[in-house]
N, C-alpha and C. Protein backbone atom coordinates (compact mmCIF):
# COMPACT_ATOMS: atom_id res chain seq x y z
N MET A 1 0.84 -1.18 0.00
CA MET A 1 0.00 0.00 0.00
C MET A 1 0.89 1.24 0.00
N VAL A 2 0.50 2.22 -0.77
CA VAL A 2 1.26 3.48 -0.86
C VAL A 2 0.69 4.46 0.17
N LYS A 3 1.58 5.10 0.91
CA LYS A 3 1.19 6.05 1.95
C LYS A 3 1.80 7.41 1.70
N ILE A 4 1.09 8.44 2.16
CA ILE A 4 1.65 9.79 2.22
C ILE A 4 1.96 10.02 3.69
N ARG A 5 3.22 10.25 4.00
CA ARG A 5 3.61 10.42 5.40
C ARG A 5 4.79 11.37 5.53
N LEU A 6 5.19 11.60 6.79
CA LEU A 6 6.29 12.52 7.08
C LEU A 6 7.57 11.74 7.35
N THR A 7 8.68 12.22 6.81
CA THR A 7 9.99 11.69 7.17
C THR A 7 10.73 12.80 7.90
N ARG A 8 11.39 12.44 8.98
CA ARG A 8 12.05 13.44 9.79
C ARG A 8 13.43 13.78 9.23
N THR A 9 13.70 15.08 9.18
CA THR A 9 15.03 15.58 8.84
C THR A 9 15.37 16.61 9.90
N GLY A 10 16.47 17.29 9.77
CA GLY A 10 16.84 18.31 10.75
C GLY A 10 17.73 17.72 11.83
N ALA A 11 18.08 18.55 12.77
CA ALA A 11 19.01 18.16 13.83
C ALA A 11 18.26 17.74 15.09
N LYS A 12 19.02 17.28 16.06
CA LYS A 12 18.45 16.90 17.35
C LYS A 12 17.76 18.11 17.98
N ASN A 13 16.56 17.92 18.47
CA ASN A 13 15.73 18.97 19.07
C ASN A 13 15.37 20.10 18.10
N ASN A 14 15.53 19.88 16.82
CA ASN A 14 15.16 20.87 15.81
C ASN A 14 14.59 20.13 14.59
N PRO A 15 13.39 19.56 14.76
CA PRO A 15 12.85 18.71 13.69
C PRO A 15 12.33 19.50 12.49
N HIS A 16 12.53 18.94 11.34
CA HIS A 16 11.93 19.37 10.08
C HIS A 16 11.43 18.09 9.43
N TYR A 17 10.38 18.20 8.65
CA TYR A 17 9.82 17.00 8.04
C TYR A 17 9.62 17.21 6.55
N ARG A 18 9.76 16.12 5.79
CA ARG A 18 9.40 16.10 4.38
C ARG A 18 8.09 15.34 4.27
N VAL A 19 7.20 15.83 3.44
CA VAL A 19 5.95 15.12 3.15
C VAL A 19 6.23 14.30 1.90
N VAL A 20 6.17 12.97 2.04
CA VAL A 20 6.58 12.08 0.95
C VAL A 20 5.53 11.01 0.68
N VAL A 21 5.63 10.43 -0.51
CA VAL A 21 4.85 9.26 -0.88
C VAL A 21 5.80 8.08 -0.82
N THR A 22 5.42 7.04 -0.07
CA THR A 22 6.29 5.89 0.11
C THR A 22 5.47 4.63 0.30
N ASP A 23 6.11 3.48 0.13
CA ASP A 23 5.46 2.21 0.42
C ASP A 23 5.31 2.09 1.93
N SER A 24 4.22 1.51 2.39
CA SER A 24 3.95 1.45 3.82
C SER A 24 4.95 0.57 4.58
N LYS A 25 5.67 -0.29 3.88
CA LYS A 25 6.60 -1.20 4.55
C LYS A 25 8.01 -0.64 4.70
N THR A 26 8.29 0.49 4.08
CA THR A 26 9.63 1.08 4.20
C THR A 26 9.78 1.78 5.55
N PRO A 27 11.01 1.90 6.06
CA PRO A 27 11.23 2.61 7.32
C PRO A 27 10.82 4.08 7.22
N ARG A 28 10.60 4.70 8.35
CA ARG A 28 10.14 6.10 8.39
C ARG A 28 11.02 7.02 7.57
N ASP A 29 12.32 6.90 7.71
CA ASP A 29 13.24 7.78 7.00
C ASP A 29 13.89 7.09 5.80
N GLY A 30 13.28 6.04 5.30
CA GLY A 30 13.84 5.29 4.18
C GLY A 30 13.53 5.94 2.84
N ARG A 31 13.69 5.15 1.78
CA ARG A 31 13.45 5.64 0.43
C ARG A 31 12.00 6.03 0.24
N TYR A 32 11.79 6.98 -0.64
CA TYR A 32 10.43 7.38 -0.96
C TYR A 32 10.25 7.47 -2.46
N VAL A 33 8.98 7.40 -2.89
CA VAL A 33 8.64 7.42 -4.31
C VAL A 33 8.61 8.85 -4.84
N ALA A 34 8.00 9.76 -4.07
CA ALA A 34 7.87 11.15 -4.51
C ALA A 34 7.92 12.08 -3.30
N LEU A 35 8.49 13.25 -3.51
CA LEU A 35 8.55 14.29 -2.49
C LEU A 35 7.44 15.30 -2.79
N LEU A 36 6.51 15.48 -1.84
CA LEU A 36 5.39 16.39 -2.04
C LEU A 36 5.62 17.77 -1.44
N GLY A 37 6.50 17.87 -0.45
CA GLY A 37 6.74 19.17 0.18
C GLY A 37 7.47 19.01 1.50
N TRP A 38 7.38 20.05 2.34
CA TRP A 38 8.05 20.05 3.63
C TRP A 38 7.16 20.68 4.69
N TYR A 39 7.52 20.43 5.97
CA TYR A 39 6.78 20.95 7.11
C TYR A 39 7.77 21.29 8.22
N ASP A 40 7.65 22.50 8.79
CA ASP A 40 8.51 22.94 9.88
C ASP A 40 7.64 23.24 11.09
N PRO A 41 7.54 22.33 12.06
CA PRO A 41 6.65 22.53 13.21
C PRO A 41 7.09 23.64 14.15
N ARG A 42 8.34 24.04 14.12
CA ARG A 42 8.83 25.06 15.04
C ARG A 42 8.69 26.48 14.51
N GLU A 43 8.33 26.63 13.26
CA GLU A 43 8.18 27.96 12.65
C GLU A 43 6.95 28.64 13.24
N SER A 44 7.14 29.83 13.80
CA SER A 44 6.01 30.56 14.39
C SER A 44 5.57 31.72 13.50
N THR A 45 6.47 32.26 12.71
CA THR A 45 6.13 33.33 11.79
C THR A 45 6.48 32.89 10.38
N GLY A 46 5.69 33.27 9.44
CA GLY A 46 5.99 32.88 8.06
C GLY A 46 5.42 31.53 7.70
N LYS A 47 6.06 30.86 6.76
CA LYS A 47 5.57 29.59 6.23
C LYS A 47 5.94 28.43 7.13
N LYS A 48 4.93 27.62 7.50
CA LYS A 48 5.17 26.40 8.26
C LYS A 48 5.32 25.20 7.34
N PHE A 49 4.75 25.29 6.14
CA PHE A 49 4.82 24.16 5.22
C PHE A 49 4.67 24.63 3.79
N GLU A 50 5.09 23.78 2.88
CA GLU A 50 4.88 24.02 1.45
C GLU A 50 4.57 22.67 0.82
N ILE A 51 3.45 22.59 0.10
CA ILE A 51 3.01 21.34 -0.50
C ILE A 51 2.79 21.55 -2.00
N ASN A 52 3.22 20.60 -2.81
CA ASN A 52 2.93 20.59 -4.24
C ASN A 52 1.50 20.06 -4.38
N VAL A 53 0.54 20.97 -4.53
CA VAL A 53 -0.88 20.64 -4.51
C VAL A 53 -1.25 19.68 -5.64
N GLU A 54 -0.77 19.92 -6.83
CA GLU A 54 -1.11 19.06 -7.98
C GLU A 54 -0.62 17.63 -7.76
N ALA A 55 0.61 17.49 -7.31
CA ALA A 55 1.16 16.15 -7.08
C ALA A 55 0.41 15.44 -5.96
N ALA A 56 0.07 16.17 -4.89
CA ALA A 56 -0.66 15.56 -3.79
C ALA A 56 -2.03 15.08 -4.24
N ARG A 57 -2.74 15.88 -5.00
CA ARG A 57 -4.05 15.47 -5.51
C ARG A 57 -3.92 14.26 -6.43
N ASN A 58 -2.87 14.25 -7.25
CA ASN A 58 -2.63 13.13 -8.15
C ASN A 58 -2.43 11.83 -7.37
N TRP A 59 -1.60 11.86 -6.32
CA TRP A 59 -1.35 10.66 -5.53
C TRP A 59 -2.59 10.23 -4.75
N LEU A 60 -3.37 11.18 -4.25
CA LEU A 60 -4.61 10.82 -3.56
C LEU A 60 -5.59 10.16 -4.52
N ALA A 61 -5.65 10.66 -5.75
CA ALA A 61 -6.52 10.07 -6.76
C ALA A 61 -6.08 8.65 -7.12
N LYS A 62 -4.78 8.39 -7.04
CA LYS A 62 -4.26 7.05 -7.33
C LYS A 62 -4.47 6.09 -6.16
N GLY A 63 -4.93 6.60 -5.02
CA GLY A 63 -5.23 5.72 -3.89
C GLY A 63 -4.25 5.77 -2.75
N ALA A 64 -3.33 6.71 -2.74
CA ALA A 64 -2.39 6.83 -1.62
C ALA A 64 -3.15 7.22 -0.36
N GLN A 65 -2.81 6.57 0.75
CA GLN A 65 -3.48 6.82 2.02
C GLN A 65 -2.59 7.69 2.91
N PRO A 66 -3.04 8.89 3.29
CA PRO A 66 -2.22 9.73 4.17
C PRO A 66 -2.33 9.28 5.63
N THR A 67 -1.25 9.45 6.38
CA THR A 67 -1.29 9.22 7.82
C THR A 67 -2.05 10.38 8.45
N GLU A 68 -2.36 10.28 9.74
CA GLU A 68 -3.11 11.35 10.40
C GLU A 68 -2.37 12.68 10.35
N SER A 69 -1.07 12.66 10.63
CA SER A 69 -0.31 13.91 10.62
C SER A 69 -0.20 14.48 9.21
N ALA A 70 -0.01 13.62 8.22
CA ALA A 70 0.06 14.09 6.83
C ALA A 70 -1.30 14.62 6.39
N ARG A 71 -2.38 13.95 6.79
CA ARG A 71 -3.73 14.39 6.43
C ARG A 71 -3.99 15.79 7.00
N SER A 72 -3.54 16.03 8.22
CA SER A 72 -3.73 17.34 8.84
C SER A 72 -3.02 18.44 8.05
N ILE A 73 -1.80 18.18 7.62
CA ILE A 73 -1.04 19.16 6.84
C ILE A 73 -1.69 19.37 5.47
N LEU A 74 -2.13 18.28 4.84
CA LEU A 74 -2.78 18.40 3.54
C LEU A 74 -4.09 19.19 3.64
N LYS A 75 -4.82 19.01 4.73
CA LYS A 75 -6.06 19.79 4.93
C LYS A 75 -5.74 21.27 5.07
N GLN A 76 -4.69 21.58 5.83
CA GLN A 76 -4.30 22.98 6.01
C GLN A 76 -3.87 23.60 4.69
N ALA A 77 -3.29 22.80 3.82
CA ALA A 77 -2.86 23.29 2.51
C ALA A 77 -4.02 23.35 1.53
N GLY A 78 -5.17 22.80 1.91
CA GLY A 78 -6.33 22.82 1.03
C GLY A 78 -6.32 21.73 -0.02
N VAL A 79 -5.56 20.68 0.21
CA VAL A 79 -5.43 19.60 -0.77
C VAL A 79 -6.41 18.48 -0.49
N TYR A 80 -6.39 17.95 0.72
CA TYR A 80 -7.12 16.73 1.04
C TYR A 80 -8.63 16.92 0.98
N ALA A 81 -9.13 18.01 1.49
CA ALA A 81 -10.59 18.23 1.51
C ALA A 81 -11.16 18.31 0.09
N GLN A 82 -10.45 18.92 -0.83
CA GLN A 82 -10.94 19.05 -2.20
C GLN A 82 -10.78 17.76 -2.98
N ALA A 83 -9.81 16.95 -2.63
CA ALA A 83 -9.58 15.71 -3.38
C ALA A 83 -10.52 14.60 -2.93
N ALA A 84 -11.15 14.75 -1.76
CA ALA A 84 -11.96 13.67 -1.20
C ALA A 84 -13.44 13.78 -1.54
N HIS A 85 -13.85 14.68 -2.43
CA HIS A 85 -15.26 14.81 -2.73
C HIS A 85 -15.71 13.60 -3.42
């Protein structure tokens, strides 16, 4: 099964995440099929995330299942709610 999920990058106590499409059996920070964007949970001003909306909608249409955290970010970006009609 293909999943949309977060992979952790960044340093210790300073997390950054990539929003990626990957097989559900690969490790959290393992190889991924496609990079959809990034998320910075510590950012208080400015951009917290950037998502490639077209690619995300394409993968959702193909049946990729987002995790809860990825679904939350996609909803904030306006991707998931529009793709699920």
